[in-house]
Amino acid sequence: MPTHGSLTKAGKVRSATPKIPPKPKKNKPPRVRNRVEYARRFLKPQAAETFPT
């Protein structure tokens, strides 16, 4: 039964690939994003209702 490749070639492609720097993340982590959305949806409207204009 033949193998899928010789062990002498193992890891050659990954080591030859140039390293590309990662792109910066555009979104905040879900924990932080959920807290901000909660404050925007529930805390801010209540604060606006308590102060009559």
PDB file of N, CA and C in Angstrom:
ATOM      1  N   MET A   1       0.845  -1.184   0.000  1.00  0.00           N
ATOM      2  CA  MET A   1       0.000   0.000   0.000  1.00  0.00           C
ATOM      3  C   MET A   1       0.885   1.240   0.000  1.00  0.00           C
ATOM      4  N   PRO A   2       0.798   2.103  -1.009  1.00  0.00           N
ATOM      5  CA  PRO A   2       1.632   3.302  -1.035  1.00  0.00           C
ATOM      6  C   PRO A   2       1.139   4.347  -0.026  1.00  0.00           C
ATOM      7  N   THR A   3       2.091   5.153   0.435  1.00  0.00           N
ATOM      8  CA  THR A   3       1.737   6.214   1.373  1.00  0.00           C
ATOM      9  C   THR A   3       1.301   7.460   0.596  1.00  0.00           C
ATOM     10  N   HIS A   4       0.886   8.477   1.313  1.00  0.00           N
ATOM     11  CA  HIS A   4       0.400   9.695   0.673  1.00  0.00           C
ATOM     12  C   HIS A   4       1.523  10.623   0.264  1.00  0.00           C
ATOM     13  N   GLY A   5       2.720  10.368   0.657  1.00  0.00           N
ATOM     14  CA  GLY A   5       3.845  11.213   0.278  1.00  0.00           C
ATOM     15  C   GLY A   5       5.068  10.808   1.081  1.00  0.00           C
ATOM     16  N   SER A   6       6.219  11.143   0.558  1.00  0.00           N
ATOM     17  CA  SER A   6       7.436  10.758   1.256  1.00  0.00           C
ATOM     18  C   SER A   6       7.687  11.688   2.431  1.00  0.00           C
ATOM     19  N   LEU A   7       8.297  11.171   3.474  1.00  0.00           N
ATOM     20  CA  LEU A   7       8.574  11.981   4.655  1.00  0.00           C
ATOM     21  C   LEU A   7       9.691  12.985   4.417  1.00  0.00           C
ATOM     22  N   THR A   8      10.452  12.826   3.361  1.00  0.00           N
ATOM     23  CA  THR A   8      11.515  13.790   3.068  1.00  0.00           C
ATOM     24  C   THR A   8      10.939  15.114   2.588  1.00  0.00           C
ATOM     25  N   LYS A   9       9.702  15.111   2.091  1.00  0.00           N
ATOM     26  CA  LYS A   9       9.080  16.336   1.603  1.00  0.00           C
ATOM     27  C   LYS A   9       8.146  16.971   2.639  1.00  0.00           C
ATOM     28  N   ALA A  10       8.069  16.402   3.815  1.00  0.00           N
ATOM     29  CA  ALA A  10       7.108  16.878   4.812  1.00  0.00           C
ATOM     30  C   ALA A  10       7.480  18.280   5.291  1.00  0.00           C
ATOM     31  N   GLY A  11       6.514  19.200   5.272  1.00  0.00           N
ATOM     32  CA  GLY A  11       6.701  20.540   5.799  1.00  0.00           C
ATOM     33  C   GLY A  11       7.425  21.503   4.880  1.00  0.00           C
ATOM     34  N   LYS A  12       7.719  21.128   3.667  1.00  0.00           N
ATOM     35  CA  LYS A  12       8.476  22.017   2.777  1.00  0.00           C
ATOM     36  C   LYS A  12       7.624  23.189   2.283  1.00  0.00           C
ATOM     37  N   VAL A  13       6.363  22.943   1.994  1.00  0.00           N
ATOM     38  CA  VAL A  13       5.525  24.008   1.431  1.00  0.00           C
ATOM     39  C   VAL A  13       5.246  25.069   2.481  1.00  0.00           C
ATOM     40  N   ARG A  14       4.915  24.651   3.705  1.00  0.00           N
ATOM     41  CA  ARG A  14       4.591  25.630   4.743  1.00  0.00           C
ATOM     42  C   ARG A  14       5.797  26.495   5.078  1.00  0.00           C
ATOM     43  N   SER A  15       6.975  25.895   5.139  1.00  0.00           N
ATOM     44  CA  SER A  15       8.156  26.691   5.470  1.00  0.00           C
ATOM     45  C   SER A  15       8.557  27.616   4.322  1.00  0.00           C
ATOM     46  N   ALA A  16       8.183  27.284   3.085  1.00  0.00           N
ATOM     47  CA  ALA A  16       8.538  28.117   1.936  1.00  0.00           C
ATOM     48  C   ALA A  16       7.528  29.237   1.695  1.00  0.00           C
ATOM     49  N   THR A  17       6.355  29.167   2.330  1.00  0.00           N
ATOM     50  CA  THR A  17       5.323  30.182   2.123  1.00  0.00           C
ATOM     51  C   THR A  17       5.693  31.450   2.876  1.00  0.00           C
ATOM     52  N   PRO A  18       5.620  32.614   2.225  1.00  0.00           N
ATOM     53  CA  PRO A  18       5.958  33.857   2.932  1.00  0.00           C
ATOM     54  C   PRO A  18       4.910  34.185   3.990  1.00  0.00           C
ATOM     55  N   LYS A  19       5.379  34.758   5.089  1.00  0.00           N
ATOM     56  CA  LYS A  19       4.495  35.121   6.189  1.00  0.00           C
ATOM     57  C   LYS A  19       3.803  36.435   5.859  1.00  0.00           C
ATOM     58  N   ILE A  20       2.468  36.442   5.925  1.00  0.00           N
ATOM     59  CA  ILE A  20       1.677  37.634   5.656  1.00  0.00           C
ATOM     60  C   ILE A  20       1.165  38.166   6.988  1.00  0.00           C
ATOM     61  N   PRO A  21       1.342  39.459   7.285  1.00  0.00           N
ATOM     62  CA  PRO A  21       0.840  39.979   8.565  1.00  0.00           C
ATOM     63  C   PRO A  21      -0.692  39.927   8.599  1.00  0.00           C
ATOM     64  N   PRO A  22      -1.276  39.641   9.760  1.00  0.00           N
ATOM     65  CA  PRO A  22      -2.740  39.533   9.834  1.00  0.00           C
ATOM     66  C   PRO A  22      -3.405  40.890   9.663  1.00  0.00           C
ATOM     67  N   LYS A  23      -4.626  40.867   9.131  1.00  0.00           N
ATOM     68  CA  LYS A  23      -5.403  42.095   8.987  1.00  0.00           C
ATOM     69  C   LYS A  23      -5.924  42.510  10.352  1.00  0.00           C
ATOM     70  N   PRO A  24      -6.011  43.814  10.604  1.00  0.00           N
ATOM     71  CA  PRO A  24      -6.569  44.241  11.894  1.00  0.00           C
ATOM     72  C   PRO A  24      -8.048  43.874  11.983  1.00  0.00           C
ATOM     73  N   LYS A  25      -8.480  43.528  13.184  1.00  0.00           N
ATOM     74  CA  LYS A  25      -9.879  43.156  13.385  1.00  0.00           C
ATOM     75  C   LYS A  25     -10.749  44.398  13.339  1.00  0.00           C
ATOM     76  N   LYS A  26     -11.926  44.284  12.692  1.00  0.00           N
ATOM     77  CA  LYS A  26     -12.805  45.435  12.615  1.00  0.00           C
ATOM     78  C   LYS A  26     -13.868  45.435  13.692  1.00  0.00           C
ATOM     79  N   ASN A  27     -14.242  44.271  14.207  1.00  0.00           N
ATOM     80  CA  ASN A  27     -15.299  44.201  15.214  1.00  0.00           C
ATOM     81  C   ASN A  27     -14.710  43.963  16.597  1.00  0.00           C
ATOM     82  N   LYS A  28     -15.426  44.451  17.609  1.00  0.00           N
ATOM     83  CA  LYS A  28     -15.025  44.181  18.982  1.00  0.00           C
ATOM     84  C   LYS A  28     -15.409  42.757  19.330  1.00  0.00           C
ATOM     85  N   PRO A  29     -14.801  42.174  20.365  1.00  0.00           N
ATOM     86  CA  PRO A  29     -15.207  40.837  20.788  1.00  0.00           C
ATOM     87  C   PRO A  29     -16.682  40.830  21.186  1.00  0.00           C
ATOM     88  N   PRO A  30     -17.375  39.703  21.058  1.00  0.00           N
ATOM     89  CA  PRO A  30     -18.813  39.659  21.332  1.00  0.00           C
ATOM     90  C   PRO A  30     -19.183  40.132  22.731  1.00  0.00           C
ATOM     91  N   ARG A  31     -18.370  39.840  23.734  1.00  0.00           N
ATOM     92  CA  ARG A  31     -18.704  40.245  25.097  1.00  0.00           C
ATOM     93  C   ARG A  31     -18.781  41.761  25.205  1.00  0.00           C
ATOM     94  N   VAL A  32     -17.826  42.450  24.605  1.00  0.00           N
ATOM     95  CA  VAL A  32     -17.800  43.915  24.660  1.00  0.00           C
ATOM     96  C   VAL A  32     -18.911  44.478  23.778  1.00  0.00           C
ATOM     97  N   ARG A  33     -19.094  43.903  22.606  1.00  0.00           N
ATOM     98  CA  ARG A  33     -20.104  44.406  21.676  1.00  0.00           C
ATOM     99  C   ARG A  33     -21.511  44.257  22.248  1.00  0.00           C
ATOM    100  N   ASN A  34     -21.786  43.126  22.918  1.00  0.00           N
ATOM    101  CA  ASN A  34     -23.103  42.927  23.510  1.00  0.00           C
ATOM    102  C   ASN A  34     -23.363  43.940  24.610  1.00  0.00           C
ATOM    103  N   ARG A  35     -22.343  44.254  25.406  1.00  0.00           N
ATOM    104  CA  ARG A  35     -22.519  45.230  26.482  1.00  0.00           C
ATOM    105  C   ARG A  35     -22.824  46.613  25.906  1.00  0.00           C
ATOM    106  N   VAL A  36     -22.143  46.991  24.830  1.00  0.00           N
ATOM    107  CA  VAL A  36     -22.370  48.296  24.205  1.00  0.00           C
ATOM    108  C   VAL A  36     -23.772  48.353  23.609  1.00  0.00           C
ATOM    109  N   GLU A  37     -24.200  47.275  22.939  1.00  0.00           N
ATOM    110  CA  GLU A  37     -25.537  47.257  22.345  1.00  0.00           C
ATOM    111  C   GLU A  37     -26.613  47.287  23.419  1.00  0.00           C
ATOM    112  N   TYR A  38     -26.395  46.608  24.537  1.00  0.00           N
ATOM    113  CA  TYR A  38     -27.362  46.619  25.631  1.00  0.00           C
ATOM    114  C   TYR A  38     -27.510  48.036  26.183  1.00  0.00           C
ATOM    115  N   ALA A  39     -26.391  48.712  26.373  1.00  0.00           N
ATOM    116  CA  ALA A  39     -26.441  50.078  26.890  1.00  0.00           C
ATOM    117  C   ALA A  39     -27.152  50.995  25.901  1.00  0.00           C
ATOM    118  N   ARG A  40     -26.907  50.802  24.630  1.00  0.00           N
ATOM    119  CA  ARG A  40     -27.526  51.653  23.617  1.00  0.00           C
ATOM    120  C   ARG A  40     -29.031  51.413  23.538  1.00  0.00           C
ATOM    121  N   ARG A  41     -29.461  50.147  23.660  1.00  0.00           N
ATOM    122  CA  ARG A  41     -30.872  49.828  23.466  1.00  0.00           C
ATOM    123  C   ARG A  41     -31.710  50.063  24.712  1.00  0.00           C
ATOM    124  N   PHE A  42     -31.175  49.735  25.884  1.00  0.00           N
ATOM    125  CA  PHE A  42     -32.003  49.737  27.082  1.00  0.00           C
ATOM    126  C   PHE A  42     -31.656  50.840  28.072  1.00  0.00           C
ATOM    127  N   LEU A  43     -30.390  51.145  28.253  1.00  0.00           N
ATOM    128  CA  LEU A  43     -30.016  52.122  29.265  1.00  0.00           C
ATOM    129  C   LEU A  43     -30.182  53.556  28.770  1.00  0.00           C
ATOM    130  N   LYS A  44     -29.806  53.830  27.538  1.00  0.00           N
ATOM    131  CA  LYS A  44     -29.900  55.191  27.008  1.00  0.00           C
ATOM    132  C   LYS A  44     -31.350  55.641  26.839  1.00  0.00           C
ATOM    133  N   PRO A  45     -32.258  54.855  26.272  1.00  0.00           N
ATOM    134  CA  PRO A  45     -33.641  55.312  26.148  1.00  0.00           C
ATOM    135  C   PRO A  45     -34.295  55.570  27.502  1.00  0.00           C
ATOM    136  N   GLN A  46     -33.975  54.770  28.509  1.00  0.00           N
ATOM    137  CA  GLN A  46     -34.537  55.002  29.840  1.00  0.00           C
ATOM    138  C   GLN A  46     -34.026  56.300  30.433  1.00  0.00           C
ATOM    139  N   ALA A  47     -32.777  56.618  30.186  1.00  0.00           N
ATOM    140  CA  ALA A  47     -32.220  57.862  30.680  1.00  0.00           C
ATOM    141  C   ALA A  47     -32.893  59.056  30.003  1.00  0.00           C
ATOM    142  N   ALA A  48     -33.266  58.909  28.736  1.00  0.00           N
ATOM    143  CA  ALA A  48     -33.930  59.988  28.022  1.00  0.00           C
ATOM    144  C   ALA A  48     -35.364  60.167  28.527  1.00  0.00           C
ATOM    145  N   GLU A  49     -36.019  59.089  28.957  1.00  0.00           N
ATOM    146  CA  GLU A  49     -37.389  59.182  29.445  1.00  0.00           C
ATOM    147  C   GLU A  49     -37.455  59.860  30.812  1.00  0.00           C
ATOM    148  N   THR A  50     -36.456  59.685  31.635  1.00  0.00           N
ATOM    149  CA  THR A  50     -36.506  60.231  33.002  1.00  0.00           C
ATOM    150  C   THR A  50     -36.300  61.742  33.016  1.00  0.00           C
ATOM    151  N   PHE A  51     -35.634  62.292  32.022  1.00  0.00           N
ATOM    152  CA  PHE A  51     -35.392  63.723  31.974  1.00  0.00           C
ATOM    153  C   PHE A  51     -36.343  64.372  30.969  1.00  0.00           C
ATOM    154  N   PRO A  52     -37.365  65.085  31.440  1.00  0.00           N
ATOM    155  CA  PRO A  52     -38.267  65.748  30.481  1.00  0.00           C
ATOM    156  C   PRO A  52     -37.569  66.930  29.826  1.00  0.00           C
ATOM    157  N   THR A  53     -37.886  67.158  28.572  1.00  0.00           N
ATOM    158  CA  THR A  53     -37.248  68.253  27.849  1.00  0.00           C
ATOM    159  C   THR A  53     -38.171  69.445  27.757  1.00  0.00           C
TER     160      THR A  53
END
